[in-house]
Amino acid sequence: MWTLGRLFAGSFRPVEGAVLRGGRPILPAGFRPVPMIHQHPGAP
C-alpha cells in the first residue's frame, strides 16, 4: 500500500508502464509531486 500511495503522491514514478484508472493515465506528464507527511500513530 505504501508504494501505491507514494506513486499517487508523486514521490517516485514507475520505471516502466503507466498507472491507469479506467484506461486513462492518472499521472499526467506535467504532474508535480505533493508533499507527503508521515505520522506515527502514537505521536501526540
N, C-alpha and C. Protein backbone atom coordinates (compact mmCIF):
# COMPACT_ATOMS: atom_id res chain seq x y z
N MET A 1 0.81 -1.20 0.00
CA MET A 1 0.00 0.00 0.00
C MET A 1 0.85 1.26 0.00
N TRP A 2 1.97 1.21 0.72
CA TRP A 2 2.82 2.40 0.76
C TRP A 2 3.34 2.75 -0.62
N THR A 3 3.71 1.75 -1.39
CA THR A 3 4.23 2.01 -2.73
C THR A 3 3.17 2.69 -3.58
N LEU A 4 1.95 2.22 -3.52
CA LEU A 4 0.87 2.82 -4.29
C LEU A 4 0.61 4.26 -3.83
N GLY A 5 0.64 4.48 -2.54
CA GLY A 5 0.46 5.84 -2.01
C GLY A 5 1.56 6.77 -2.46
N ARG A 6 2.77 6.29 -2.50
CA ARG A 6 3.89 7.12 -2.96
C ARG A 6 3.78 7.43 -4.45
N LEU A 7 3.28 6.50 -5.23
CA LEU A 7 3.05 6.78 -6.65
C LEU A 7 2.04 7.90 -6.82
N PHE A 8 0.93 7.81 -6.06
CA PHE A 8 -0.11 8.84 -6.15
C PHE A 8 0.39 10.19 -5.66
N ALA A 9 1.23 10.19 -4.63
CA ALA A 9 1.76 11.44 -4.09
C ALA A 9 2.85 12.02 -4.98
N GLY A 10 3.39 11.22 -5.88
CA GLY A 10 4.43 11.71 -6.78
C GLY A 10 5.82 11.58 -6.22
N SER A 11 5.99 10.80 -5.15
CA SER A 11 7.31 10.62 -4.57
C SER A 11 8.26 9.94 -5.55
N PHE A 12 7.72 9.07 -6.38
CA PHE A 12 8.51 8.48 -7.45
C PHE A 12 7.58 8.05 -8.57
N ARG A 13 8.15 7.83 -9.73
CA ARG A 13 7.38 7.44 -10.90
C ARG A 13 7.70 5.99 -11.25
N PRO A 14 6.77 5.31 -11.89
CA PRO A 14 7.06 3.94 -12.30
C PRO A 14 8.20 3.91 -13.32
N VAL A 15 9.04 2.90 -13.24
CA VAL A 15 10.16 2.77 -14.18
C VAL A 15 9.65 2.37 -15.55
N GLU A 16 8.66 1.49 -15.58
CA GLU A 16 8.07 1.03 -16.84
C GLU A 16 6.56 1.10 -16.74
N GLY A 17 5.93 1.20 -17.88
CA GLY A 17 4.47 1.16 -17.93
C GLY A 17 3.83 2.45 -17.45
N ALA A 18 2.58 2.36 -17.04
CA ALA A 18 1.83 3.53 -16.59
C ALA A 18 0.83 3.11 -15.53
N VAL A 19 0.43 4.07 -14.71
CA VAL A 19 -0.61 3.82 -13.72
C VAL A 19 -1.91 4.31 -14.34
N LEU A 20 -2.86 3.37 -14.54
CA LEU A 20 -4.11 3.70 -15.23
C LEU A 20 -5.31 3.56 -14.30
N ARG A 21 -6.32 4.38 -14.56
CA ARG A 21 -7.61 4.24 -13.89
C ARG A 21 -8.67 4.38 -14.97
N GLY A 22 -9.44 3.34 -15.17
CA GLY A 22 -10.45 3.37 -16.22
C GLY A 22 -9.84 3.48 -17.60
N GLY A 23 -8.61 2.96 -17.76
CA GLY A 23 -7.93 3.00 -19.05
C GLY A 23 -7.23 4.32 -19.35
N ARG A 24 -7.29 5.27 -18.42
CA ARG A 24 -6.63 6.57 -18.63
C ARG A 24 -5.52 6.75 -17.61
N PRO A 25 -4.41 7.37 -18.02
CA PRO A 25 -3.31 7.59 -17.07
C PRO A 25 -3.73 8.54 -15.96
N ILE A 26 -3.32 8.23 -14.73
CA ILE A 26 -3.66 9.11 -13.62
C ILE A 26 -2.49 10.01 -13.24
N LEU A 27 -1.33 9.77 -13.82
CA LEU A 27 -0.17 10.62 -13.57
C LEU A 27 0.18 11.36 -14.86
N PRO A 28 -0.39 12.54 -15.08
CA PRO A 28 -0.12 13.27 -16.31
C PRO A 28 1.34 13.69 -16.43
N ALA A 29 1.76 14.03 -17.63
CA ALA A 29 3.15 14.39 -17.89
C ALA A 29 3.61 15.57 -17.05
N GLY A 30 2.74 16.53 -16.80
CA GLY A 30 3.11 17.72 -16.04
C GLY A 30 2.83 17.60 -14.55
N PHE A 31 2.68 16.39 -14.05
CA PHE A 31 2.35 16.17 -12.65
C PHE A 31 3.48 16.64 -11.75
N ARG A 32 3.13 17.39 -10.71
CA ARG A 32 4.13 17.84 -9.74
C ARG A 32 3.95 17.07 -8.44
N PRO A 33 5.06 16.72 -7.80
CA PRO A 33 4.96 15.97 -6.54
C PRO A 33 4.20 16.75 -5.47
N VAL A 34 3.51 16.02 -4.61
CA VAL A 34 2.77 16.60 -3.50
C VAL A 34 3.50 16.23 -2.22
N PRO A 35 3.70 17.20 -1.31
CA PRO A 35 4.36 16.84 -0.05
C PRO A 35 3.56 15.79 0.70
N MET A 36 4.26 14.84 1.26
CA MET A 36 3.61 13.76 1.99
C MET A 36 4.15 13.76 3.41
N ILE A 37 3.27 13.89 4.40
CA ILE A 37 3.68 13.94 5.80
C ILE A 37 3.43 12.58 6.43
N HIS A 38 4.51 11.99 6.94
CA HIS A 38 4.40 10.69 7.60
C HIS A 38 4.21 10.93 9.09
N GLN A 39 3.24 10.27 9.69
CA GLN A 39 3.00 10.42 11.11
C GLN A 39 3.00 9.06 11.78
N HIS A 40 3.48 9.07 12.98
CA HIS A 40 3.44 7.86 13.79
C HIS A 40 2.10 7.85 14.52
N PRO A 41 1.36 6.74 14.51
CA PRO A 41 0.04 6.72 15.13
C PRO A 41 0.05 7.08 16.62
N GLY A 42 1.16 6.86 17.30
CA GLY A 42 1.23 7.16 18.73
C GLY A 42 1.74 8.55 19.04
N ALA A 43 2.05 9.34 18.01
CA ALA A 43 2.58 10.69 18.23
C ALA A 43 1.48 11.61 18.78
N PRO A 44 1.84 12.52 19.67
CA PRO A 44 0.83 13.45 20.22
C PRO A 44 0.32 14.43 19.20
